[in-house]
Amino acid sequence: MDYIKPTDVVKTMIQAGATKAALPVRDLLIRGFLAGSILAFATSLAISITLQTVPPVGALIFPVGFVIIVLLGLELVTGSFALLPLAVFERKARVGQILANFGWVFLGNLIGSVFYAGLLWISLSMAGHIAPGALGDKIAAIAVAKTTAFAAHGGAGMLTIFTKAILCNWMVCLGVVMAMTSSSTIGKIVGGWLPIFIFFAQGYEHAVVNMFVIPAGMFFGAPVTFSDWWVWNQIPVTLGNFVGGLLFTGLALYVTHKPAPVQEPLVAPATLPLPEKTAA
């Protein structure tokens, strides 16, 4: 029996948040870089498979990247949104620590994602000497759909992308937590796979996925500017991911399953010795 109960899972979430908050900058950047690039690998794979089959198949394949990240203990800023605040609530980390963690992991994820985007552009376009083919064209179209397509609707577009980001990280952080419900490798894979499939199949907005797909689309000729990328996607999606991950996964599970405070055992008062009788 490798199932771990929810109350114990929340204890693991708290400890994981405290451990992540204490990581040095070097580790945050390395693990963030690897996580961003691996998720980008999985994204391009899912898009490629979708072009050859049907969209649900690509969504079934996409979680391979998330599984690798979880099993290797790498760092996704979106997953940290649900875990690190719990360590603050339990006084196992400081607010300054988690803000620094978010910043360094975000940077590592961004570098890794853009790095893979550049390598993919080289591999598909012969470093710009040939047309990138169907995969490059599809990534460019996705970049447009994630930025200027929302901008065309103004405030309604901004509200929509923010909402889709909330829904996304609700599931992504649930994937992080579900992987904690098992002590076996297979159990962690299956538990984490399910929520990630849900988010990707419905086209919700994930900050780290977009760190790859939008700049990659720009490399492949998408009419998207740097401002389009950050104003109409990266910033509102990151904020929406924070809200969804913290409120609907981290905080919700913490409130209902948080560990009970340890109570000191009651100690009976010491019995005073009876006074000795004096001789009459």
Protein backbone atom coordinates (compact mmCIF):
# COMPACT_ATOMS: atom_id res chain seq x y z
CA MET A 1 0.00 0.00 0.00
CA ASP A 2 1.77 3.14 -1.20
CA TYR A 3 -1.16 5.54 -0.82
CA ILE A 4 -0.44 8.59 1.35
CA LYS A 5 -3.37 10.19 3.19
CA PRO A 6 -4.32 13.84 2.54
CA THR A 7 -3.28 15.02 6.00
CA ASP A 8 0.18 13.55 5.43
CA VAL A 9 0.26 15.00 1.91
CA VAL A 10 -0.29 18.49 3.34
CA LYS A 11 2.61 17.90 5.75
CA THR A 12 4.72 16.98 2.72
CA MET A 13 3.55 20.12 0.91
CA ILE A 14 4.62 22.29 3.85
CA GLN A 15 8.01 20.61 4.12
CA ALA A 16 8.53 20.80 0.36
CA GLY A 17 7.82 24.53 0.50
CA ALA A 18 10.31 25.01 3.32
CA THR A 19 12.96 22.97 1.49
CA LYS A 20 12.49 24.92 -1.74
CA ALA A 21 12.66 28.25 0.12
CA ALA A 22 16.07 27.29 1.53
CA LEU A 23 17.64 26.31 -1.82
CA PRO A 24 20.62 28.42 -2.96
CA VAL A 25 20.37 30.58 -6.07
CA ARG A 26 22.65 28.24 -8.04
CA ASP A 27 20.29 25.31 -7.57
CA LEU A 28 17.19 27.37 -8.31
CA LEU A 29 18.67 28.54 -11.62
CA ILE A 30 19.94 25.10 -12.69
CA ARG A 31 16.75 23.29 -11.73
CA GLY A 32 14.62 26.07 -13.20
CA PHE A 33 16.59 26.01 -16.46
CA LEU A 34 16.20 22.24 -16.78
CA ALA A 35 12.50 22.35 -15.93
CA GLY A 36 11.80 25.07 -18.49
CA SER A 37 13.66 23.27 -21.26
CA ILE A 38 12.11 19.87 -20.47
CA LEU A 39 8.60 21.33 -20.46
CA ALA A 40 9.40 22.98 -23.79
CA PHE A 41 10.52 19.60 -25.16
CA ALA A 42 7.17 18.12 -24.08
CA THR A 43 5.23 21.02 -25.59
CA SER A 44 6.83 20.73 -29.02
CA LEU A 45 6.32 16.96 -28.86
CA ALA A 46 2.62 17.36 -28.03
CA ILE A 47 2.13 19.88 -30.86
CA SER A 48 3.96 17.60 -33.30
CA ILE A 49 1.82 14.60 -32.33
CA THR A 50 -1.36 16.68 -32.57
CA LEU A 51 -0.46 17.58 -36.15
CA GLN A 52 -0.12 13.88 -36.97
CA THR A 53 -3.17 12.60 -35.05
CA VAL A 54 -5.90 14.42 -33.10
CA PRO A 55 -5.62 16.96 -30.24
CA PRO A 56 -6.50 14.56 -27.37
CA VAL A 57 -3.49 12.40 -28.22
CA GLY A 58 -1.15 15.37 -27.87
CA ALA A 59 -2.71 16.18 -24.49
CA LEU A 60 -2.14 12.59 -23.35
CA ILE A 61 1.53 12.85 -24.27
CA PHE A 62 2.28 16.32 -22.87
CA PRO A 63 2.48 15.26 -19.18
CA VAL A 64 5.72 13.32 -19.87
CA GLY A 65 7.61 16.58 -19.31
CA PHE A 66 5.87 17.25 -16.00
CA VAL A 67 6.59 13.70 -14.82
CA ILE A 68 10.31 14.08 -15.54
CA ILE A 69 10.36 17.39 -13.66
CA VAL A 70 8.64 15.90 -10.60
CA LEU A 71 10.72 12.72 -10.46
CA LEU A 72 14.01 14.63 -10.77
CA GLY A 73 13.07 17.30 -8.22
CA LEU A 74 13.36 20.20 -10.65
CA GLU A 75 11.78 23.62 -10.22
CA LEU A 76 8.69 25.04 -11.94
CA VAL A 77 7.66 28.43 -10.63
CA THR A 78 4.00 27.55 -11.19
CA GLY A 79 4.18 24.56 -8.84
CA SER A 80 5.97 26.64 -6.23
CA PHE A 81 3.02 29.05 -6.11
CA ALA A 82 1.04 26.41 -4.19
CA LEU A 83 3.79 25.12 -1.89
CA LEU A 84 6.02 27.93 -0.67
CA PRO A 85 3.28 30.11 0.89
CA LEU A 86 2.31 27.15 3.09
CA ALA A 87 5.80 27.17 4.58
CA VAL A 88 5.26 30.84 5.43
CA PHE A 89 1.91 30.07 7.07
CA GLU A 90 3.65 27.45 9.25
CA ARG A 91 6.58 29.82 9.99
CA LYS A 92 9.07 27.55 8.24
CA ALA A 93 10.06 30.23 5.69
CA ARG A 94 10.01 34.00 5.35
CA VAL A 95 8.13 36.06 2.77
CA GLY A 96 11.41 37.41 1.43
CA GLN A 97 12.67 33.87 0.84
CA ILE A 98 9.68 32.82 -1.22
CA LEU A 99 9.70 36.01 -3.30
CA ALA A 100 13.37 35.44 -4.07
CA ASN A 101 12.61 31.82 -4.93
CA PHE A 102 9.83 32.81 -7.31
CA GLY A 103 12.10 35.33 -9.02
CA TRP A 104 15.09 33.04 -9.54
CA VAL A 105 13.01 30.04 -10.62
CA PHE A 106 11.01 32.22 -13.02
CA LEU A 107 14.29 33.42 -14.55
CA GLY A 108 15.64 29.87 -14.80
CA ASN A 109 12.43 28.64 -16.42
CA LEU A 110 12.52 31.54 -18.89
CA ILE A 111 16.15 30.95 -19.90
CA GLY A 112 15.59 27.22 -20.36
CA SER A 113 12.41 27.73 -22.38
CA VAL A 114 13.88 30.32 -24.74
CA PHE A 115 17.09 28.30 -25.07
CA TYR A 116 15.14 25.28 -26.30
CA ALA A 117 13.05 27.51 -28.59
CA GLY A 118 16.25 28.70 -30.25
CA LEU A 119 17.55 25.16 -30.68
CA LEU A 120 14.22 24.05 -32.14
CA TRP A 121 14.29 26.95 -34.61
CA ILE A 122 17.77 25.92 -35.75
CA SER A 123 16.79 22.26 -36.10
CA LEU A 124 13.58 22.91 -38.07
CA SER A 125 14.74 25.78 -40.29
CA MET A 126 18.38 24.90 -40.94
CA ALA A 127 19.24 28.05 -38.96
CA GLY A 128 16.86 30.13 -41.07
CA HIS A 129 17.86 28.75 -44.49
CA ILE A 130 14.71 26.69 -45.14
CA ALA A 131 11.02 26.87 -44.24
CA PRO A 132 10.36 25.35 -40.81
CA GLY A 133 7.52 23.15 -42.02
CA ALA A 134 4.19 22.35 -40.41
CA LEU A 135 5.48 22.29 -36.82
CA GLY A 136 7.06 25.74 -37.09
CA ASP A 137 3.95 27.15 -38.76
CA LYS A 138 1.72 25.69 -36.04
CA ILE A 139 3.84 27.12 -33.25
CA ALA A 140 3.71 30.54 -34.93
CA ALA A 141 -0.08 30.31 -35.14
CA ILE A 142 -0.29 29.36 -31.45
CA ALA A 143 1.85 32.36 -30.51
CA VAL A 144 -0.62 34.65 -32.29
CA ALA A 145 -3.60 32.93 -30.63
CA LYS A 146 -2.04 33.46 -27.21
CA THR A 147 -1.29 37.17 -27.63
CA THR A 148 -2.77 39.44 -30.31
CA ALA A 149 -5.94 37.34 -30.52
CA PHE A 150 -6.66 38.29 -26.89
CA ALA A 151 -5.54 41.89 -27.43
CA ALA A 152 -8.15 42.25 -30.17
CA HIS A 153 -10.86 41.92 -27.50
CA GLY A 154 -9.42 44.47 -25.09
CA GLY A 155 -10.53 44.12 -21.49
CA ALA A 156 -12.59 41.02 -22.22
CA GLY A 157 -9.51 39.40 -23.72
CA MET A 158 -7.43 40.26 -20.65
CA LEU A 159 -10.08 38.86 -18.31
CA THR A 160 -10.29 35.69 -20.40
CA ILE A 161 -6.56 35.02 -20.41
CA PHE A 162 -6.34 35.70 -16.66
CA THR A 163 -9.21 33.28 -16.03
CA LYS A 164 -7.67 30.59 -18.25
CA ALA A 165 -4.44 30.99 -16.26
CA ILE A 166 -6.29 30.46 -12.97
CA LEU A 167 -7.92 27.30 -14.31
CA CYS A 168 -4.59 26.06 -15.65
CA ASN A 169 -2.56 26.28 -12.46
CA TRP A 170 -5.41 24.94 -10.36
CA MET A 171 -4.78 21.70 -12.25
CA VAL A 172 -0.99 21.99 -12.54
CA CYS A 173 -0.56 22.41 -8.79
CA LEU A 174 -3.04 19.62 -8.25
CA GLY A 175 -0.68 17.50 -10.37
CA VAL A 176 2.17 18.40 -8.01
CA VAL A 177 0.07 17.40 -5.02
CA MET A 178 -1.30 14.23 -6.61
CA ALA A 179 2.28 13.06 -7.18
CA MET A 180 2.71 13.30 -3.39
CA THR A 181 -0.17 10.89 -2.73
CA SER A 182 2.03 7.90 -3.57
CA SER A 183 5.45 6.69 -2.47
CA SER A 184 6.00 4.58 -5.61
CA THR A 185 7.34 5.82 -8.93
CA ILE A 186 4.36 4.46 -10.88
CA GLY A 187 1.93 6.01 -8.41
CA LYS A 188 3.62 9.41 -8.71
CA ILE A 189 3.51 9.21 -12.51
CA VAL A 190 -0.18 8.33 -12.67
CA GLY A 191 -1.20 10.77 -9.94
CA GLY A 192 0.60 13.69 -11.57
CA TRP A 193 -0.45 12.75 -15.11
CA LEU A 194 -4.20 13.15 -14.63
CA PRO A 195 -4.53 16.89 -13.77
CA ILE A 196 -1.88 17.87 -16.33
CA PHE A 197 -3.83 16.12 -19.06
CA ILE A 198 -6.96 18.01 -17.97
CA PHE A 199 -5.31 21.44 -18.27
CA PHE A 200 -3.54 20.83 -21.57
CA ALA A 201 -6.51 19.19 -23.29
CA GLN A 202 -8.66 22.26 -22.62
CA GLY A 203 -6.11 24.82 -23.80
CA TYR A 204 -5.61 26.72 -20.57
CA GLU A 205 -2.72 29.15 -20.09
CA HIS A 206 0.52 28.08 -18.39
CA ALA A 207 3.25 30.65 -17.81
CA VAL A 208 6.20 28.31 -18.39
CA VAL A 209 4.71 26.66 -21.49
CA ASN A 210 4.19 30.16 -22.89
CA MET A 211 7.81 31.06 -22.13
CA PHE A 212 8.62 28.57 -24.88
CA VAL A 213 5.78 28.66 -27.36
CA ILE A 214 5.51 32.44 -27.80
CA PRO A 215 9.20 33.26 -28.38
CA ALA A 216 9.45 30.11 -30.53
CA GLY A 217 6.53 31.39 -32.58
CA MET A 218 8.33 34.72 -32.94
CA PHE A 219 11.41 32.87 -34.20
CA PHE A 220 9.18 31.16 -36.76
CA GLY A 221 7.77 34.43 -38.05
CA ALA A 222 4.67 35.09 -35.94
CA PRO A 223 3.66 38.79 -36.10
CA VAL A 224 4.02 39.13 -32.33
CA THR A 225 6.13 41.77 -30.58
CA PHE A 226 7.97 41.55 -27.28
CA SER A 227 5.31 43.85 -25.80
CA ASP A 228 2.51 41.59 -27.11
CA TRP A 229 4.16 38.62 -25.44
CA TRP A 230 4.53 40.21 -21.98
CA VAL A 231 1.51 42.53 -21.79
CA TRP A 232 -1.04 40.21 -23.39
CA ASN A 233 0.22 36.91 -22.06
CA GLN A 234 3.24 36.44 -19.81
CA ILE A 235 2.38 38.92 -17.07
CA PRO A 236 -1.39 38.25 -16.75
CA VAL A 237 -0.85 34.50 -17.12
CA THR A 238 1.79 34.45 -14.38
CA LEU A 239 -0.53 36.37 -12.06
CA GLY A 240 -3.47 34.11 -12.88
CA ASN A 241 -1.31 31.03 -12.31
CA PHE A 242 -0.37 32.39 -8.90
CA VAL A 243 -4.00 32.91 -7.92
CA GLY A 244 -5.14 29.51 -9.17
CA GLY A 245 -2.28 27.54 -7.65
CA LEU A 246 -2.30 29.24 -4.27
CA LEU A 247 -6.03 29.66 -3.63
CA PHE A 248 -7.60 26.58 -5.17
CA THR A 249 -4.91 23.99 -4.50
CA GLY A 250 -2.38 25.06 -1.90
CA LEU A 251 -4.53 27.11 0.46
CA ALA A 252 -7.71 25.07 0.01
CA LEU A 253 -6.01 21.77 0.88
CA TYR A 254 -4.06 23.40 3.69
CA VAL A 255 -7.19 24.78 5.35
CA THR A 256 -9.12 21.52 5.24
CA HIS A 257 -6.25 19.07 5.90
CA LYS A 258 -3.66 21.10 7.79
CA PRO A 259 -1.88 19.23 10.59
CA ALA A 260 -3.40 19.67 14.01
CA PRO A 261 -1.17 21.52 16.49
CA VAL A 262 0.78 19.23 18.76
CA GLN A 263 -0.64 19.37 22.28
CA GLU A 264 1.48 18.75 25.31
CA PRO A 265 0.26 15.76 27.35
CA LEU A 266 -1.51 16.64 30.55
CA VAL A 267 0.63 16.00 33.64
CA ALA A 268 -1.07 15.25 36.93
CA PRO A 269 0.02 17.60 39.72
CA ALA A 270 2.64 16.11 41.98
CA THR A 271 1.21 14.62 45.17
CA LEU A 272 2.43 16.41 48.24
CA PRO A 273 3.78 14.11 50.94
CA LEU A 274 1.59 13.82 53.97
CA PRO A 275 3.03 15.34 57.15
CA GLU A 276 4.52 12.79 59.50
CA LYS A 277 2.59 12.07 62.68
CA THR A 278 4.20 13.28 65.85
CA ALA A 279 4.26 11.14 68.94
CA ALA A 280 1.68 12.00 71.58
